[in-house]
Amino acid sequence: MSDYVIIDTDVFSAITSSRATATRYEAVLRDKTQALTFVSIAELLYGARHAGWGERKRAPLRRTAGPDRDQRKGSGNKLGRLIHRVL
């Protein structure tokens, strides 16, 4: 079974933008399934929109930070449907 680790917005940003600070997290994240909270996803999408990112630039962010396919479909739960509407 895989171990899970919840990463926050700053860690996600460091990892995906290949910042030098990302090396701080390598040992902790190695061989772990990384997860973002709904709040972190909202922060990332809000920040992109607030910064004036266009659809083309936001699309990779949604693919990387967005919920998995089952959640996007709604999978019969309110949170999944809400995430689908936001994304």
C-alpha atoms as a PDB file:
ATOM      1  CA  MET A   1       0.000   0.000   0.000  1.00  0.00           C
ATOM      2  CA  SER A   2       1.223   3.462  -0.861  1.00  0.00           C
ATOM      3  CA  ASP A   3       1.773   6.107   1.770  1.00  0.00           C
ATOM      4  CA  TYR A   4       0.025   9.384   1.235  1.00  0.00           C
ATOM      5  CA  VAL A   5       1.244  12.875   2.025  1.00  0.00           C
ATOM      6  CA  ILE A   6      -0.773  16.077   1.810  1.00  0.00           C
ATOM      7  CA  ILE A   7       1.223  18.936   0.355  1.00  0.00           C
ATOM      8  CA  ASP A   8       0.312  22.575   0.706  1.00  0.00           C
ATOM      9  CA  THR A   9       0.195  25.270  -1.933  1.00  0.00           C
ATOM     10  CA  ASP A  10       3.775  26.449  -1.396  1.00  0.00           C
ATOM     11  CA  VAL A  11       5.221  22.940  -1.670  1.00  0.00           C
ATOM     12  CA  PHE A  12       3.188  22.217  -4.813  1.00  0.00           C
ATOM     13  CA  SER A  13       4.344  25.476  -6.386  1.00  0.00           C
ATOM     14  CA  ALA A  14       7.991  24.784  -5.552  1.00  0.00           C
ATOM     15  CA  ILE A  15       7.841  21.268  -6.982  1.00  0.00           C
ATOM     16  CA  THR A  16       5.993  22.098 -10.193  1.00  0.00           C
ATOM     17  CA  SER A  17       8.043  25.185 -10.982  1.00  0.00           C
ATOM     18  CA  SER A  18      11.343  23.369 -10.270  1.00  0.00           C
ATOM     19  CA  ARG A  19      12.441  25.951  -7.744  1.00  0.00           C
ATOM     20  CA  ALA A  20      15.628  25.313  -5.802  1.00  0.00           C
ATOM     21  CA  THR A  21      13.534  25.016  -2.621  1.00  0.00           C
ATOM     22  CA  ALA A  22      11.907  21.867  -4.030  1.00  0.00           C
ATOM     23  CA  THR A  23      14.971  19.866  -3.015  1.00  0.00           C
ATOM     24  CA  ARG A  24      13.991  20.394   0.629  1.00  0.00           C
ATOM     25  CA  TYR A  25      10.964  18.165   0.104  1.00  0.00           C
ATOM     26  CA  GLU A  26      12.471  15.348  -1.965  1.00  0.00           C
ATOM     27  CA  ALA A  27      13.209  12.964   0.899  1.00  0.00           C
ATOM     28  CA  VAL A  28       9.760  13.356   2.454  1.00  0.00           C
ATOM     29  CA  LEU A  29       7.885  13.028  -0.838  1.00  0.00           C
ATOM     30  CA  ARG A  30       9.877  10.165  -2.342  1.00  0.00           C
ATOM     31  CA  ASP A  31       7.712   7.076  -2.943  1.00  0.00           C
ATOM     32  CA  LYS A  32       4.613   8.824  -1.595  1.00  0.00           C
ATOM     33  CA  THR A  33       1.305   9.552  -3.253  1.00  0.00           C
ATOM     34  CA  GLN A  34       0.973  13.319  -3.082  1.00  0.00           C
ATOM     35  CA  ALA A  35      -2.402  14.941  -2.472  1.00  0.00           C
ATOM     36  CA  LEU A  36      -3.701  18.485  -2.383  1.00  0.00           C
ATOM     37  CA  THR A  37      -6.604  19.682  -0.280  1.00  0.00           C
ATOM     38  CA  PHE A  38      -9.580  21.364  -1.906  1.00  0.00           C
ATOM     39  CA  VAL A  39      -8.415  24.618  -0.287  1.00  0.00           C
ATOM     40  CA  SER A  40      -4.989  24.350  -1.931  1.00  0.00           C
ATOM     41  CA  ILE A  41      -6.574  23.664  -5.318  1.00  0.00           C
ATOM     42  CA  ALA A  42      -8.771  26.741  -4.878  1.00  0.00           C
ATOM     43  CA  GLU A  43      -5.757  28.853  -3.857  1.00  0.00           C
ATOM     44  CA  LEU A  44      -3.795  27.755  -6.915  1.00  0.00           C
ATOM     45  CA  LEU A  45      -6.655  28.414  -9.323  1.00  0.00           C
ATOM     46  CA  TYR A  46      -7.497  31.750  -7.710  1.00  0.00           C
ATOM     47  CA  GLY A  47      -3.858  32.825  -7.833  1.00  0.00           C
ATOM     48  CA  ALA A  48      -3.626  31.934 -11.520  1.00  0.00           C
ATOM     49  CA  ARG A  49      -6.814  33.796 -12.339  1.00  0.00           C
ATOM     50  CA  HIS A  50      -5.800  36.793 -10.195  1.00  0.00           C
ATOM     51  CA  ALA A  51      -2.424  36.906 -11.975  1.00  0.00           C
ATOM     52  CA  GLY A  52      -4.249  37.141 -15.294  1.00  0.00           C
ATOM     53  CA  TRP A  53      -3.286  33.720 -16.590  1.00  0.00           C
ATOM     54  CA  GLY A  54      -5.177  32.828 -19.731  1.00  0.00           C
ATOM     55  CA  GLU A  55      -6.900  29.514 -20.387  1.00  0.00           C
ATOM     56  CA  ARG A  56      -3.856  28.067 -22.133  1.00  0.00           C
ATOM     57  CA  LYS A  57      -1.627  28.717 -19.124  1.00  0.00           C
ATOM     58  CA  ARG A  58      -4.250  27.563 -16.560  1.00  0.00           C
ATOM     59  CA  ALA A  59      -5.017  24.266 -18.338  1.00  0.00           C
ATOM     60  CA  PRO A  60      -1.787  22.486 -17.252  1.00  0.00           C
ATOM     61  CA  LEU A  61      -2.379  23.694 -13.685  1.00  0.00           C
ATOM     62  CA  ARG A  62      -5.869  22.191 -13.678  1.00  0.00           C
ATOM     63  CA  ARG A  63      -4.539  18.914 -15.072  1.00  0.00           C
ATOM     64  CA  THR A  64      -1.785  18.740 -12.453  1.00  0.00           C
ATOM     65  CA  ALA A  65      -3.556  20.135  -9.388  1.00  0.00           C
ATOM     66  CA  GLY A  66      -7.132  19.248 -10.192  1.00  0.00           C
ATOM     67  CA  PRO A  67      -9.020  16.348  -8.715  1.00  0.00           C
ATOM     68  CA  ASP A  68      -8.801  12.900 -10.222  1.00  0.00           C
ATOM     69  CA  ARG A  69     -11.186  11.809 -12.965  1.00  0.00           C
ATOM     70  CA  ASP A  70     -13.747  10.252 -10.616  1.00  0.00           C
ATOM     71  CA  GLN A  71     -14.025  13.464  -8.623  1.00  0.00           C
ATOM     72  CA  ARG A  72     -14.413  15.560 -11.772  1.00  0.00           C
ATOM     73  CA  LYS A  73     -17.315  13.382 -12.832  1.00  0.00           C
ATOM     74  CA  GLY A  74     -18.881  14.025  -9.453  1.00  0.00           C
ATOM     75  CA  SER A  75     -18.808  10.376  -8.372  1.00  0.00           C
ATOM     76  CA  GLY A  76     -22.127  10.846  -6.621  1.00  0.00           C
ATOM     77  CA  ASN A  77     -20.907  13.236  -3.959  1.00  0.00           C
ATOM     78  CA  LYS A  78     -21.478  16.948  -3.447  1.00  0.00           C
ATOM     79  CA  LEU A  79     -17.796  17.827  -3.167  1.00  0.00           C
ATOM     80  CA  GLY A  80     -16.996  16.128  -6.452  1.00  0.00           C
ATOM     81  CA  ARG A  81     -19.801  18.004  -8.207  1.00  0.00           C
ATOM     82  CA  LEU A  82     -18.648  21.301  -6.703  1.00  0.00           C
ATOM     83  CA  ILE A  83     -15.062  20.739  -7.837  1.00  0.00           C
ATOM     84  CA  HIS A  84     -16.315  19.886 -11.322  1.00  0.00           C
ATOM     85  CA  ARG A  85     -18.210  23.197 -11.495  1.00  0.00           C
ATOM     86  CA  VAL A  86     -15.188  25.208 -10.285  1.00  0.00           C
ATOM     87  CA  LEU A  87     -12.785  23.626 -12.739  1.00  0.00           C
END
